[in-house]
N, C-alpha and C. Protein backbone atom coordinates (compact mmCIF):
# COMPACT_ATOMS: atom_id res chain seq x y z
N MET A 1 176.07 219.12 -15.91
CA MET A 1 174.98 218.01 -15.93
C MET A 1 173.67 218.65 -16.29
N SER A 2 172.98 217.48 -16.93
CA SER A 2 171.78 217.62 -17.84
C SER A 2 170.81 217.66 -16.97
N LYS A 3 169.81 218.30 -16.97
CA LYS A 3 168.52 217.76 -15.80
C LYS A 3 168.23 216.31 -16.13
N ARG A 4 168.08 215.77 -17.27
CA ARG A 4 168.11 214.54 -17.64
C ARG A 4 169.04 213.22 -16.58
N ALA A 5 170.50 213.78 -16.48
CA ALA A 5 170.86 212.84 -16.32
C ALA A 5 171.22 213.33 -15.13
N GLY A 6 171.16 214.07 -14.53
CA GLY A 6 171.02 214.77 -12.87
C GLY A 6 169.72 213.91 -12.22
N GLY A 7 168.86 213.85 -12.72
CA GLY A 7 167.61 212.83 -12.50
C GLY A 7 167.22 211.56 -12.39
N ARG A 8 168.58 210.71 -13.41
CA ARG A 8 169.18 209.54 -13.52
C ARG A 8 170.05 209.26 -11.94
N TRP A 9 170.71 210.37 -12.10
CA TRP A 9 172.07 209.91 -11.09
C TRP A 9 170.83 209.94 -9.62
N LEU A 10 170.29 211.22 -9.65
CA LEU A 10 169.01 210.83 -8.21
C LEU A 10 168.48 209.67 -8.03
N ALA A 11 167.84 209.08 -9.23
CA ALA A 11 167.06 208.05 -8.87
C ALA A 11 168.07 206.63 -8.46
N ALA A 12 169.24 206.62 -9.23
CA ALA A 12 170.07 205.23 -9.04
C ALA A 12 170.60 205.23 -6.82
N ALA A 13 170.98 206.96 -6.71
CA ALA A 13 171.67 207.39 -5.41
C ALA A 13 170.46 206.78 -4.57
N LEU A 14 168.75 206.73 -5.06
CA LEU A 14 167.52 206.82 -4.12
C LEU A 14 168.00 205.11 -3.85
N ALA A 15 168.04 204.36 -5.04
CA ALA A 15 167.90 203.08 -5.33
C ALA A 15 168.99 202.33 -4.13
N VAL A 16 170.34 202.60 -4.42
CA VAL A 16 171.41 202.09 -3.87
C VAL A 16 170.71 202.90 -1.98
N SER A 17 170.73 203.57 -1.89
CA SER A 17 170.20 203.71 -0.34
C SER A 17 169.08 203.12 -0.08
N ALA A 18 168.44 202.74 -0.69
CA ALA A 18 167.17 201.39 0.04
C ALA A 18 167.79 200.42 -0.04
N VAL A 19 168.58 200.24 -1.07
CA VAL A 19 169.40 198.31 -0.59
C VAL A 19 170.30 198.54 0.52
N LEU A 20 170.86 199.59 1.13
CA LEU A 20 171.84 199.41 1.95
C LEU A 20 171.08 199.74 3.12
N ALA A 21 170.15 200.58 2.92
CA ALA A 21 169.07 200.49 4.32
C ALA A 21 168.50 199.49 4.80
N SER A 22 168.18 198.91 3.51
CA SER A 22 167.10 197.28 4.06
C SER A 22 168.72 196.45 4.49
N GLY A 23 169.53 196.63 4.09
CA GLY A 23 170.06 195.45 4.44
C GLY A 23 171.17 195.76 6.33
N CYS A 24 170.42 196.79 6.38
CA CYS A 24 171.56 197.23 8.01
C CYS A 24 171.25 196.13 9.06
N THR A 25 170.11 195.17 8.87
CA THR A 25 169.99 194.24 9.89
C THR A 25 170.83 193.18 9.97
N ALA A 26 171.25 192.36 10.29
CA ALA A 26 172.26 191.26 10.15
C ALA A 26 171.42 190.11 9.73
N PRO A 27 171.87 189.32 8.99
CA PRO A 27 170.97 188.45 8.31
C PRO A 27 170.76 186.84 9.66
N VAL A 28 169.61 186.47 9.28
CA VAL A 28 168.85 185.92 10.29
C VAL A 28 168.86 184.36 9.92
N ASP A 29 169.38 183.20 10.43
CA ASP A 29 169.74 182.15 10.27
C ASP A 29 168.31 181.49 11.17
N PRO A 30 167.17 181.11 10.35
CA PRO A 30 165.87 180.45 11.13
C PRO A 30 166.56 179.26 12.54
N ASP A 31 167.37 178.79 12.08
CA ASP A 31 167.82 177.47 12.92
C ASP A 31 168.18 178.12 13.91
N GLU A 32 168.97 179.38 14.48
CA GLU A 32 168.90 180.55 15.10
C GLU A 32 167.88 181.15 16.28
N LEU A 33 166.68 180.74 15.80
CA LEU A 33 165.89 181.57 16.31
C LEU A 33 165.54 180.77 17.67
N PRO A 34 165.00 178.75 17.90
CA PRO A 34 164.79 178.83 18.60
C PRO A 34 164.98 179.47 20.06
N GLY A 35 164.87 179.58 20.95
CA GLY A 35 165.22 180.12 22.37
C GLY A 35 164.21 181.05 23.04
N VAL A 36 164.59 181.84 24.29
CA VAL A 36 163.79 182.59 24.98
C VAL A 36 164.18 184.25 25.03
N TYR A 37 163.46 184.75 24.72
CA TYR A 37 163.35 186.33 24.56
C TYR A 37 162.88 186.86 25.74
N ARG A 38 163.67 188.16 25.84
CA ARG A 38 163.15 188.56 27.50
C ARG A 38 163.08 190.17 27.45
N ASP A 39 162.26 191.39 27.43
CA ASP A 39 162.14 192.17 27.76
C ASP A 39 162.41 192.41 29.59
N GLU A 40 163.69 192.80 29.97
CA GLU A 40 163.50 192.94 31.08
C GLU A 40 162.89 193.54 32.24
N ALA A 41 162.47 194.97 30.96
CA ALA A 41 162.03 196.26 31.85
C ALA A 41 160.50 195.91 31.83
N THR A 42 159.49 195.19 31.36
CA THR A 42 158.64 194.76 31.03
C THR A 42 158.52 193.32 31.83
N GLY A 43 159.08 192.47 31.88
CA GLY A 43 158.83 191.13 32.01
C GLY A 43 158.49 190.01 31.02
N ALA A 44 158.16 190.35 30.15
CA ALA A 44 157.38 190.34 28.80
C ALA A 44 158.57 189.33 28.29
N GLU A 45 157.86 187.76 28.09
CA GLU A 45 159.16 186.86 27.64
C GLU A 45 158.44 185.74 26.10
N ILE A 46 158.98 185.82 25.18
CA ILE A 46 158.44 184.96 23.87
C ILE A 46 159.64 183.39 24.24
N VAL A 47 159.21 182.57 24.06
CA VAL A 47 159.92 180.86 23.92
C VAL A 47 159.53 180.53 22.57
N LEU A 48 160.71 180.47 21.62
CA LEU A 48 160.78 180.06 20.54
C LEU A 48 160.83 178.56 20.36
N GLY A 49 159.77 177.62 20.40
CA GLY A 49 161.01 176.14 20.71
C GLY A 49 161.05 175.67 19.26
N SER A 50 162.15 174.64 19.41
CA SER A 50 163.02 174.09 18.09
C SER A 50 161.50 173.33 17.29
N ASP A 51 160.59 172.67 17.97
CA ASP A 51 159.17 172.44 17.01
C ASP A 51 158.57 173.27 16.43
N GLY A 52 158.71 174.37 16.40
CA GLY A 52 157.91 175.25 15.49
C GLY A 52 156.52 176.25 16.59
N THR A 53 156.86 175.79 18.12
CA THR A 53 155.64 176.33 18.91
C THR A 53 155.96 177.39 19.66
N PHE A 54 155.53 178.12 20.29
CA PHE A 54 156.26 179.04 20.69
C PHE A 54 154.70 179.41 21.78
N SER A 55 155.32 180.51 23.06
CA SER A 55 154.78 180.87 24.22
C SER A 55 155.04 182.39 24.46
N ALA A 56 153.97 183.22 24.72
CA ALA A 56 153.94 184.30 25.16
C ALA A 56 153.38 184.75 26.35
N THR A 57 154.22 185.53 27.43
CA THR A 57 153.86 185.74 28.35
C THR A 57 154.18 187.22 28.77
N ASP A 58 153.13 187.88 29.48
CA ASP A 58 152.83 189.03 29.36
C ASP A 58 153.43 190.21 28.44
N VAL A 59 152.43 189.62 27.53
CA VAL A 59 153.40 190.85 25.84
C VAL A 59 152.15 191.63 26.00
N SER A 60 152.70 193.07 25.71
CA SER A 60 151.89 193.86 24.88
C SER A 60 152.45 194.84 24.10
N MET A 61 151.86 194.43 23.07
CA MET A 61 152.54 194.63 21.86
C MET A 61 152.38 196.18 21.32
N ASP A 62 151.04 196.66 22.08
CA ASP A 62 151.40 198.77 21.73
C ASP A 62 151.37 199.14 22.78
N ARG A 63 152.09 198.90 24.05
CA ARG A 63 152.41 199.39 25.06
C ARG A 63 151.15 200.36 25.59
N VAL A 64 149.86 200.09 25.36
CA VAL A 64 148.29 200.55 25.74
C VAL A 64 147.76 199.70 26.36
N SER A 65 147.80 198.06 25.33
CA SER A 65 146.63 197.06 25.99
C SER A 65 147.53 196.56 27.25
N ASP A 66 146.60 196.20 28.37
CA ASP A 66 147.24 195.30 29.54
C ASP A 66 147.92 193.72 28.86
N PRO A 67 149.35 193.52 29.37
CA PRO A 67 149.79 192.33 28.83
C PRO A 67 149.02 190.96 28.99
N VAL A 68 149.54 190.01 27.88
CA VAL A 68 148.80 189.14 27.65
C VAL A 68 149.47 187.56 27.52
N ASP A 69 148.60 186.70 27.33
CA ASP A 69 149.44 185.54 27.55
C ASP A 69 149.11 184.39 26.04
N PHE A 70 149.79 184.08 25.50
CA PHE A 70 148.98 183.50 24.20
C PHE A 70 150.22 182.17 23.61
N SER A 71 149.82 181.50 22.90
CA SER A 71 150.69 180.22 22.66
C SER A 71 150.32 180.12 21.28
N GLY A 72 150.89 179.34 20.40
CA GLY A 72 150.21 178.73 19.10
C GLY A 72 151.62 177.98 18.00
N GLU A 73 151.69 178.16 16.97
CA GLU A 73 152.67 177.96 16.30
C GLU A 73 153.78 179.16 15.37
N TRP A 74 154.96 178.41 15.33
CA TRP A 74 155.58 179.90 14.33
C TRP A 74 156.38 179.60 13.36
N ASP A 75 156.55 180.66 12.71
CA ASP A 75 157.55 179.93 11.27
C ASP A 75 158.16 181.57 10.47
N PHE A 76 159.22 181.52 10.56
CA PHE A 76 160.22 182.52 9.95
C PHE A 76 159.59 182.46 8.36
N HIS A 77 159.95 183.88 7.95
CA HIS A 77 159.73 184.33 6.88
C HIS A 77 160.82 185.73 6.51
N ASP A 78 161.77 184.96 5.74
CA ASP A 78 162.56 185.93 4.88
C ASP A 78 161.84 187.12 3.38
N ASP A 79 162.04 187.64 3.82
CA ASP A 79 161.42 188.96 3.23
C ASP A 79 162.59 189.67 2.67
N GLN A 80 162.39 189.35 1.43
CA GLN A 80 163.61 189.90 0.59
C GLN A 80 163.49 191.54 0.14
N ALA A 81 162.21 191.67 0.12
CA ALA A 81 161.72 193.28 -0.04
C ALA A 81 161.92 194.32 1.53
N SER A 82 161.42 193.43 2.60
CA SER A 82 161.67 193.83 3.89
C SER A 82 162.27 193.96 4.84
N SER A 83 161.32 193.99 6.16
CA SER A 83 162.33 193.22 6.79
C SER A 83 161.74 191.35 7.13
N ASP A 84 162.56 190.52 7.74
CA ASP A 84 162.51 189.52 7.92
C ASP A 84 161.98 189.53 9.10
N PHE A 85 160.94 188.64 9.53
CA PHE A 85 159.91 188.48 10.13
C PHE A 85 159.51 186.75 10.66
N VAL A 86 158.93 186.63 12.17
CA VAL A 86 158.82 185.19 13.13
C VAL A 86 156.80 185.51 12.62
N TYR A 87 156.30 184.61 11.94
CA TYR A 87 154.57 184.83 11.68
C TYR A 87 154.30 184.09 13.31
N LEU A 88 153.59 184.47 14.38
CA LEU A 88 153.07 184.10 14.80
C LEU A 88 151.66 183.82 14.67
N LEU A 89 151.36 182.56 14.66
CA LEU A 89 150.27 181.68 14.76
C LEU A 89 149.25 181.17 15.89
N ILE A 90 148.47 182.57 15.91
CA ILE A 90 148.14 182.27 17.25
C ILE A 90 146.52 181.42 17.72
N GLU A 91 146.82 180.08 18.55
CA GLU A 91 145.66 179.12 18.98
C GLU A 91 144.59 179.36 20.05
N ASP A 92 143.44 179.20 19.46
CA ASP A 92 142.35 179.42 20.59
C ASP A 92 142.00 181.06 21.26
N GLY A 93 142.38 181.88 20.07
CA GLY A 93 141.87 182.89 20.27
C GLY A 93 142.44 184.00 21.50
N GLY A 94 143.78 183.09 21.69
CA GLY A 94 144.65 184.30 22.53
C GLY A 94 144.58 185.91 22.85
N LEU A 95 144.55 186.66 21.47
CA LEU A 95 144.71 187.79 21.23
C LEU A 95 142.86 187.99 20.83
N GLY A 96 142.01 187.42 21.10
CA GLY A 96 140.84 187.95 20.22
C GLY A 96 140.33 187.23 19.53
N ARG A 97 140.47 188.37 18.62
CA ARG A 97 139.68 188.23 17.37
C ARG A 97 141.49 188.02 16.42
N THR A 98 142.49 188.08 16.73
CA THR A 98 143.53 188.88 15.89
C THR A 98 144.33 186.50 15.65
N GLY A 99 144.56 186.47 14.96
CA GLY A 99 144.77 185.31 14.25
C GLY A 99 146.46 184.86 14.17
N GLY A 100 146.88 186.59 14.08
CA GLY A 100 148.46 185.95 14.13
C GLY A 100 149.49 187.57 14.09
N VAL A 101 150.62 186.98 14.43
CA VAL A 101 151.17 188.73 14.54
C VAL A 101 152.67 188.32 13.96
N GLN A 102 153.09 189.26 13.76
CA GLN A 102 154.28 189.58 13.32
C GLN A 102 155.13 190.12 13.98
N LEU A 103 156.45 188.56 14.07
CA LEU A 103 157.68 189.02 15.22
C LEU A 103 158.81 189.81 14.40
N TYR A 104 159.46 191.03 13.96
CA TYR A 104 160.21 191.61 13.10
C TYR A 104 161.67 191.07 14.31
N THR A 105 162.78 190.29 13.46
CA THR A 105 163.87 190.33 13.58
C THR A 105 164.65 191.35 13.54
N SER A 106 165.42 191.43 14.13
CA SER A 106 166.87 192.48 14.08
C SER A 106 168.18 191.99 14.55
N GLY A 107 168.65 190.87 13.75
CA GLY A 107 170.16 190.41 13.74
C GLY A 107 169.45 189.08 14.56
N PRO A 108 170.50 188.21 15.15
CA PRO A 108 169.81 187.02 15.64
C PRO A 108 170.01 186.72 17.25
N GLU A 109 169.80 188.30 17.45
CA GLU A 109 169.51 188.28 19.08
C GLU A 109 168.55 188.37 19.93
N LYS A 110 167.76 189.46 18.37
CA LYS A 110 166.70 190.60 18.69
C LYS A 110 165.57 190.10 18.35
N VAL A 111 164.86 190.45 19.07
CA VAL A 111 163.05 190.55 18.02
C VAL A 111 161.90 191.83 18.68
N TYR A 112 161.11 191.87 17.86
CA TYR A 112 160.54 193.19 18.35
C TYR A 112 158.99 193.14 17.68
N PHE A 113 157.95 193.36 18.19
CA PHE A 113 157.06 194.25 17.69
C PHE A 113 156.74 195.83 17.48
N ASN A 114 156.21 195.76 16.73
CA ASN A 114 156.28 197.40 15.76
C ASN A 114 154.73 197.28 15.11
N THR A 115 153.61 197.87 15.79
CA THR A 115 151.97 197.77 15.29
C THR A 115 152.43 198.88 14.55
N ASP A 116 152.89 199.96 14.33
CA ASP A 116 153.00 201.22 13.52
C ASP A 116 154.00 201.30 12.88
N PRO A 117 153.80 201.06 11.62
CA PRO A 117 155.18 200.86 10.58
C PRO A 117 155.83 202.22 10.26
N ASP A 118 155.23 203.68 10.95
CA ASP A 118 155.75 204.74 10.42
C ASP A 118 156.71 204.98 12.12
N GLY A 119 156.49 203.78 13.22
CA GLY A 119 157.08 204.34 14.51
C GLY A 119 158.21 203.56 14.95
N PRO A 120 158.65 203.59 16.20
CA PRO A 120 159.67 202.84 16.27
C PRO A 120 158.91 201.20 17.31
N PRO A 121 159.86 200.62 17.67
CA PRO A 121 159.05 199.11 17.93
C PRO A 121 158.47 199.73 18.75
N THR A 122 157.30 198.57 19.63
CA THR A 122 156.59 198.72 20.42
C THR A 122 156.87 197.78 21.60
N LEU A 123 157.80 197.13 21.32
CA LEU A 123 158.44 196.12 21.99
C LEU A 123 159.75 195.41 21.43
N GLU A 124 160.63 195.31 22.43
CA GLU A 124 161.81 195.07 22.23
C GLU A 124 162.06 193.76 22.88
N LEU A 125 162.65 192.59 22.24
CA LEU A 125 162.91 191.66 23.36
C LEU A 125 164.57 190.58 23.13
N THR A 126 164.80 190.57 23.91
CA THR A 126 166.29 189.80 24.06
C THR A 126 166.73 188.88 23.93
N LYS A 127 167.39 187.72 23.41
CA LYS A 127 167.54 186.42 23.51
C LYS A 127 168.41 186.17 24.62
N ALA A 128 168.08 185.64 25.52
CA ALA A 128 168.92 185.17 26.88
C ALA A 128 169.90 184.09 26.76
N ALA A 129 170.27 184.64 27.48
CA ALA A 129 171.35 183.59 27.18
C ALA A 129 171.15 181.55 27.55
N ALA A 130 171.62 181.06 26.99
CA ALA A 130 171.32 179.46 27.17
C ALA A 130 172.02 178.66 29.33
N ARG A 131 170.96 178.22 29.41
CA ARG A 131 171.49 178.00 30.75
C ARG A 131 172.06 176.60 30.60
């Protein structure tokens, strides 16, 4: 195999790997997102309302800051190039100067914060069973 053909093969293999890796999480239907998500270990809770509002209780997104409560509106973003996420638009300075944060989806039953794109999720929440 020539160097040129080997380089093309490597580029094709890397492209396929990137596509497969980005497709590892189950697709998310935005209509199934509303509900209560909890982290039992920390007591953190996020409620995504079917009316597009949310509330967050005892949430620390970076494992260092004290847990806080905040609320506002949410909107789902289907990002074809990266991870799908829920954008939380925070009202009334609930996180200081932060106006919004991304809450990533990991299938239809899990959401997580990831403040360091090169690191693991900093807080994972699982959808609670409907009562």
